[in-house]
Amino acid sequence: MSCMTQISVLGARSAQLALLTLKGSESLLQKAKATSALLHVAGIGCNGNRGHLHTMCRPKVTQAQTLTASGPIQSRLAMSSDMAGSRDLMDFPHIVFPSFVKMAKNVFLQLFVIRPYLDQSFSFPTFLDGAKQALLVVSEKLANGDFAGLRGLVTPEALAEIERNYATLSVKERCELKVIRDNIGPIFPYEIGMIIEEDDDIQKRWVEVTVCAHVHSNFANRDRLSESEYVPPYQLPDFTVWNYRFIRNYTKGVNDSWVVNVVNHFKPNVEQAD
């Protein structure tokens, strides 16, 4: 199926309505419902969402080519890391919801850049399965303060920043870092970045994928509770969002695997209240 055919399947009218709700609503619950509708139109399930593609350039690079696929529509909550009620593990913008425009560009780069030139086996469902497993492993080690166990899973630069900010958390906040598999709701790649560096005769290439996950125990309880008993997680103060960014070196001749270079979590309802 061609890229344009996949994009057309999104359904213009339904997508437009969902997008307008995302842009105009201040309610997390309304935004969540609009996101669910948008992902449904895209043919993506609760745990297999699509995100946007964007390219970033590393510092200390004299000749770097970047593929940029960012768009004017931003369906996320970007908040300062030092605002009241925020206990960030890393200084990173808070991402809650996907973007329709970036989803479409995501399809394009996946089909015409990543698969043909970097990784023929790359697929979002497979990647998200690995991302979810990484979320479970990393979050458990963080809750236990096992920074030695995070070596090789998280980049040294990220680990140093996480460890500094971890020291400011209370015992309760540290325990809350652990994620249980059944509590993971929607999870989607928000941003994919391609980094290309020209170094002598070698073209170095990396891919970064930023993943957003919604976490709350009520995601697991949805089928066990009646309509009157069930409260949508997005209305609760302990609704938590996790942002992870993964990076992999795709330079020719390099055998690399995905590692995490951003780890962050936050409670948007608490921040809004503050």
Protein backbone atom coordinates (compact mmCIF):
# COMPACT_ATOMS: atom_id res chain seq x y z
CA MET A 1 0.00 0.00 0.00
CA SER A 2 1.40 3.41 -0.92
CA CYS A 3 2.05 6.17 1.61
CA MET A 4 -0.68 8.38 0.18
CA THR A 5 -3.15 5.50 0.29
CA GLN A 6 -2.39 4.89 3.96
CA ILE A 7 -2.78 8.55 4.79
CA SER A 8 -6.10 8.76 2.92
CA VAL A 9 -7.43 5.93 5.06
CA LEU A 10 -7.29 8.24 8.06
CA GLY A 11 -10.67 9.70 7.15
CA ALA A 12 -10.63 13.43 6.67
CA ARG A 13 -13.85 14.34 8.45
CA SER A 14 -13.34 12.25 11.58
CA ALA A 15 -9.71 13.27 11.81
CA GLN A 16 -10.59 16.95 11.42
CA LEU A 17 -13.18 16.77 14.22
CA ALA A 18 -10.75 15.01 16.53
CA LEU A 19 -8.02 17.48 15.70
CA LEU A 20 -10.26 20.47 16.42
CA THR A 21 -11.12 18.96 19.80
CA LEU A 22 -7.45 18.42 20.59
CA LYS A 23 -6.64 22.03 19.76
CA GLY A 24 -9.64 23.67 21.42
CA SER A 25 -10.23 21.66 24.59
CA GLU A 26 -8.66 22.36 27.97
CA SER A 27 -9.93 19.08 29.45
CA LEU A 28 -7.54 16.13 29.52
CA LEU A 29 -10.50 13.77 29.27
CA GLN A 30 -11.82 15.47 26.13
CA LYS A 31 -8.32 15.49 24.66
CA ALA A 32 -7.96 11.80 25.49
CA LYS A 33 -11.26 10.95 23.79
CA ALA A 34 -10.24 12.96 20.73
CA THR A 35 -6.88 11.20 20.66
CA SER A 36 -8.57 7.82 20.84
CA ALA A 37 -10.85 8.77 17.95
CA LEU A 38 -7.91 10.05 15.92
CA LEU A 39 -5.92 6.87 16.47
CA HIS A 40 -8.96 4.74 15.68
CA VAL A 41 -9.41 6.55 12.37
CA ALA A 42 -5.74 5.89 11.68
CA GLY A 43 -6.35 2.19 12.20
CA ILE A 44 -4.19 2.08 15.32
CA GLY A 45 -5.20 0.38 18.54
CA CYS A 46 -4.85 1.65 22.07
CA ASN A 47 -1.34 0.25 22.41
CA GLY A 48 -0.13 0.82 18.86
CA ASN A 49 -0.32 4.51 18.09
CA ARG A 50 1.62 6.53 15.58
CA GLY A 51 3.63 9.65 16.26
CA HIS A 52 5.43 12.42 14.45
CA LEU A 53 8.78 12.56 12.73
CA HIS A 54 11.31 15.24 13.34
CA THR A 55 15.05 15.44 12.93
CA MET A 56 17.55 16.78 15.36
CA CYS A 57 21.18 17.81 14.96
CA ARG A 58 23.86 16.92 17.49
CA PRO A 59 26.22 19.62 18.87
CA LYS A 60 29.85 19.71 17.76
CA VAL A 61 28.90 18.65 14.24
CA THR A 62 30.38 20.74 11.46
CA GLN A 63 28.52 19.11 8.59
CA ALA A 64 25.17 17.62 9.46
CA GLN A 65 22.22 16.94 7.21
CA THR A 66 18.80 16.72 8.80
CA LEU A 67 15.44 15.49 7.59
CA THR A 68 12.79 17.69 9.16
CA ALA A 69 9.18 16.62 9.32
CA SER A 70 7.79 18.85 12.02
CA GLY A 71 4.52 20.64 11.39
CA PRO A 72 2.65 23.68 12.70
CA ILE A 73 0.11 21.68 14.67
CA GLN A 74 1.25 20.74 18.16
CA SER A 75 -1.10 18.48 20.13
CA ARG A 76 0.94 18.22 23.29
CA LEU A 77 1.30 19.89 26.65
CA ALA A 78 4.66 21.63 26.86
CA MET A 79 5.42 22.75 30.38
CA SER A 80 8.45 24.19 32.11
CA SER A 81 10.43 21.64 34.08
CA ASP A 82 10.65 23.96 37.08
CA MET A 83 6.95 24.69 37.49
CA ALA A 84 5.27 23.86 40.78
CA GLY A 85 4.18 20.25 41.17
CA SER A 86 6.65 18.96 38.59
CA ARG A 87 9.32 16.47 39.59
CA ASP A 88 11.13 15.84 36.35
CA LEU A 89 13.81 13.20 36.06
CA MET A 90 15.18 15.06 33.04
CA ASP A 91 14.75 18.49 31.46
CA PHE A 92 12.45 17.55 28.60
CA PRO A 93 9.17 19.02 27.26
CA HIS A 94 6.07 17.27 28.56
CA ILE A 95 4.34 15.32 25.78
CA VAL A 96 0.83 14.01 26.35
CA PHE A 97 -0.98 13.66 23.00
CA PRO A 98 -0.02 12.92 19.36
CA SER A 99 -0.35 15.13 16.30
CA PHE A 100 -2.33 14.18 13.19
CA VAL A 101 0.05 16.02 10.84
CA LYS A 102 3.09 14.37 12.37
CA MET A 103 1.41 10.99 12.20
CA ALA A 104 1.04 11.39 8.45
CA LYS A 105 4.66 12.45 8.07
CA ASN A 106 5.61 9.51 10.23
CA VAL A 107 4.09 7.15 7.66
CA PHE A 108 6.03 8.86 4.88
CA LEU A 109 9.44 8.61 6.54
CA GLN A 110 8.87 5.08 7.72
CA LEU A 111 8.03 3.90 4.20
CA PHE A 112 10.47 5.96 2.17
CA VAL A 113 13.45 6.54 4.45
CA ILE A 114 13.75 4.16 7.39
CA ARG A 115 12.75 0.89 5.75
CA PRO A 116 14.45 1.34 2.37
CA TYR A 117 17.74 2.77 3.67
CA LEU A 118 18.16 1.92 7.36
CA ASP A 119 16.10 -0.98 8.66
CA GLN A 120 13.84 -3.12 6.48
CA SER A 121 12.36 -4.85 9.54
CA PHE A 122 11.36 -1.66 11.39
CA SER A 123 7.69 -1.53 12.36
CA PHE A 124 5.84 0.45 15.00
CA PRO A 125 4.05 -2.51 16.65
CA THR A 126 7.33 -4.36 17.14
CA PHE A 127 9.10 -1.24 18.33
CA LEU A 128 6.34 -0.41 20.81
CA ASP A 129 6.49 -3.92 22.26
CA GLY A 130 10.17 -3.34 22.97
CA ALA A 131 9.51 0.17 24.28
CA LYS A 132 6.90 -1.13 26.71
CA GLN A 133 9.32 -3.76 28.00
CA ALA A 134 12.00 -1.09 28.41
CA LEU A 135 9.53 1.09 30.33
CA LEU A 136 8.83 -1.77 32.75
CA VAL A 137 12.48 -2.64 33.29
CA VAL A 138 13.80 0.92 33.57
CA SER A 139 10.98 2.11 35.83
CA GLU A 140 11.46 -0.81 38.24
CA LYS A 141 15.19 -0.18 38.49
CA LEU A 142 14.54 3.52 39.07
CA ALA A 143 12.05 2.76 41.84
CA ASN A 144 14.69 0.58 43.50
CA GLY A 145 17.46 3.12 42.99
CA ASP A 146 19.40 0.55 40.94
CA PHE A 147 21.44 2.91 38.77
CA ALA A 148 24.14 0.31 38.20
CA GLY A 149 21.50 -1.91 36.60
CA LEU A 150 20.57 0.89 34.19
CA ARG A 151 24.03 0.99 32.62
CA GLY A 152 23.77 -0.24 29.07
CA LEU A 153 20.03 0.47 29.03
CA VAL A 154 20.29 4.24 29.48
CA THR A 155 23.01 6.47 28.01
CA PRO A 156 25.64 7.71 30.51
CA GLU A 157 24.69 11.38 29.97
CA ALA A 158 21.01 10.70 30.64
CA LEU A 159 21.79 8.49 33.61
CA ALA A 160 23.88 11.22 35.26
CA GLU A 161 21.03 13.75 34.96
CA ILE A 162 18.44 11.24 36.17
CA GLU A 163 20.53 10.35 39.21
CA ARG A 164 20.92 14.00 40.20
CA ASN A 165 17.18 14.66 40.00
CA TYR A 166 16.31 11.33 41.62
CA ALA A 167 18.04 12.53 44.78
CA THR A 168 15.40 15.27 45.16
CA LEU A 169 12.46 12.83 45.15
CA SER A 170 10.73 11.68 48.31
CA VAL A 171 10.50 7.98 49.18
CA LYS A 172 6.86 7.96 48.03
CA GLU A 173 7.74 9.58 44.71
CA ARG A 174 10.51 7.05 44.12
CA CYS A 175 8.17 4.13 44.77
CA GLU A 176 5.63 5.61 42.33
CA LEU A 177 8.18 5.37 39.52
CA LYS A 178 7.55 1.65 39.10
CA VAL A 179 5.16 0.85 36.24
CA ILE A 180 2.99 -2.28 36.18
CA ARG A 181 2.31 -3.75 32.74
CA ASP A 182 -1.48 -3.88 33.11
CA ASN A 183 -1.55 -0.19 34.09
CA ILE A 184 -0.16 0.94 30.73
CA GLY A 185 -2.89 2.48 28.57
CA PRO A 186 -2.25 4.21 25.23
CA ILE A 187 1.38 4.14 24.14
CA PHE A 188 2.56 5.73 20.91
CA PRO A 189 5.71 7.08 19.20
CA TYR A 190 5.34 10.84 19.35
CA GLU A 191 8.53 11.79 17.52
CA ILE A 192 11.01 10.05 15.26
CA GLY A 193 14.24 11.87 14.54
CA MET A 194 16.96 11.09 12.04
CA ILE A 195 20.46 12.38 12.68
CA ILE A 196 22.94 12.32 9.80
CA GLU A 197 26.56 13.43 10.26
CA GLU A 198 29.21 13.69 7.58
CA ASP A 199 32.59 12.69 9.03
CA ASP A 200 35.38 12.38 6.45
CA ASP A 201 34.27 9.61 4.10
CA ILE A 202 31.80 8.11 6.58
CA GLN A 203 28.17 9.07 6.87
CA LYS A 204 27.04 8.46 10.44
CA ARG A 205 23.36 7.87 10.98
CA TRP A 206 21.18 7.60 14.08
CA VAL A 207 17.45 7.24 14.63
CA GLU A 208 15.70 8.61 17.72
CA VAL A 209 12.16 7.68 18.73
CA THR A 210 10.29 9.54 21.46
CA VAL A 211 7.55 7.41 23.01
CA CYS A 212 4.65 8.60 25.15
CA ALA A 213 2.78 6.24 27.50
CA HIS A 214 -0.31 6.87 29.64
CA VAL A 215 -0.23 5.00 32.95
CA HIS A 216 -2.89 4.45 35.62
CA SER A 217 -4.38 1.48 37.47
CA ASN A 218 -7.84 2.26 36.05
CA PHE A 219 -6.64 1.22 32.60
CA ALA A 220 -6.33 -2.28 34.04
CA ASN A 221 -9.66 -2.03 35.88
CA ARG A 222 -11.72 -0.92 32.88
CA ASP A 223 -13.20 -4.36 32.18
CA ARG A 224 -13.73 -5.22 35.85
CA LEU A 225 -15.81 -2.22 36.86
CA SER A 226 -19.32 -1.18 35.92
CA GLU A 227 -19.98 2.09 34.13
CA SER A 228 -21.04 3.72 37.38
CA GLU A 229 -17.91 2.56 39.21
CA TYR A 230 -15.39 3.31 36.50
CA VAL A 231 -13.64 6.70 36.52
CA PRO A 232 -11.56 7.60 33.44
CA PRO A 233 -7.87 7.85 34.44
CA TYR A 234 -7.61 11.25 32.74
CA GLN A 235 -9.84 12.76 35.45
CA LEU A 236 -7.70 11.53 38.35
CA PRO A 237 -4.81 13.40 40.00
CA ASP A 238 -2.47 10.40 39.90
CA PHE A 239 -2.84 9.90 36.13
CA THR A 240 0.78 9.71 34.96
CA VAL A 241 2.47 10.22 31.61
CA TRP A 242 5.85 8.73 30.76
CA ASN A 243 8.10 10.12 28.01
CA TYR A 244 11.00 7.95 26.84
CA ARG A 245 13.34 8.64 23.95
CA PHE A 246 15.29 5.81 22.33
CA ILE A 247 18.33 6.11 20.08
CA ARG A 248 20.10 3.65 17.80
CA ASN A 249 23.20 3.98 15.62
CA TYR A 250 22.46 2.91 12.03
CA THR A 251 25.87 3.81 10.61
CA LYS A 252 26.98 1.27 8.00
CA GLY A 253 29.13 -1.41 9.59
CA VAL A 254 27.95 -0.63 13.13
CA ASN A 255 25.98 -3.29 14.99
CA ASP A 256 23.97 -1.36 17.55
CA SER A 257 20.81 -1.76 19.62
CA TRP A 258 18.26 0.67 21.03
CA VAL A 259 19.16 2.51 24.25
CA VAL A 260 17.27 5.17 26.19
CA ASN A 261 18.56 8.76 26.22
CA VAL A 262 15.54 10.49 27.78
CA VAL A 263 13.42 9.32 30.74
CA ASN A 264 10.72 11.52 32.22
CA HIS A 265 7.37 11.22 33.95
CA PHE A 266 4.82 13.71 35.21
CA LYS A 267 1.22 14.09 36.42
CA PRO A 268 -0.51 16.64 34.18
CA ASN A 269 -3.58 16.96 36.40
CA VAL A 270 -1.46 17.92 39.39
CA GLU A 271 0.43 20.47 37.29
CA GLN A 272 -2.79 21.97 35.96
CA ALA A 273 -4.13 22.30 39.49
CA ASP A 274 -0.95 24.08 40.57
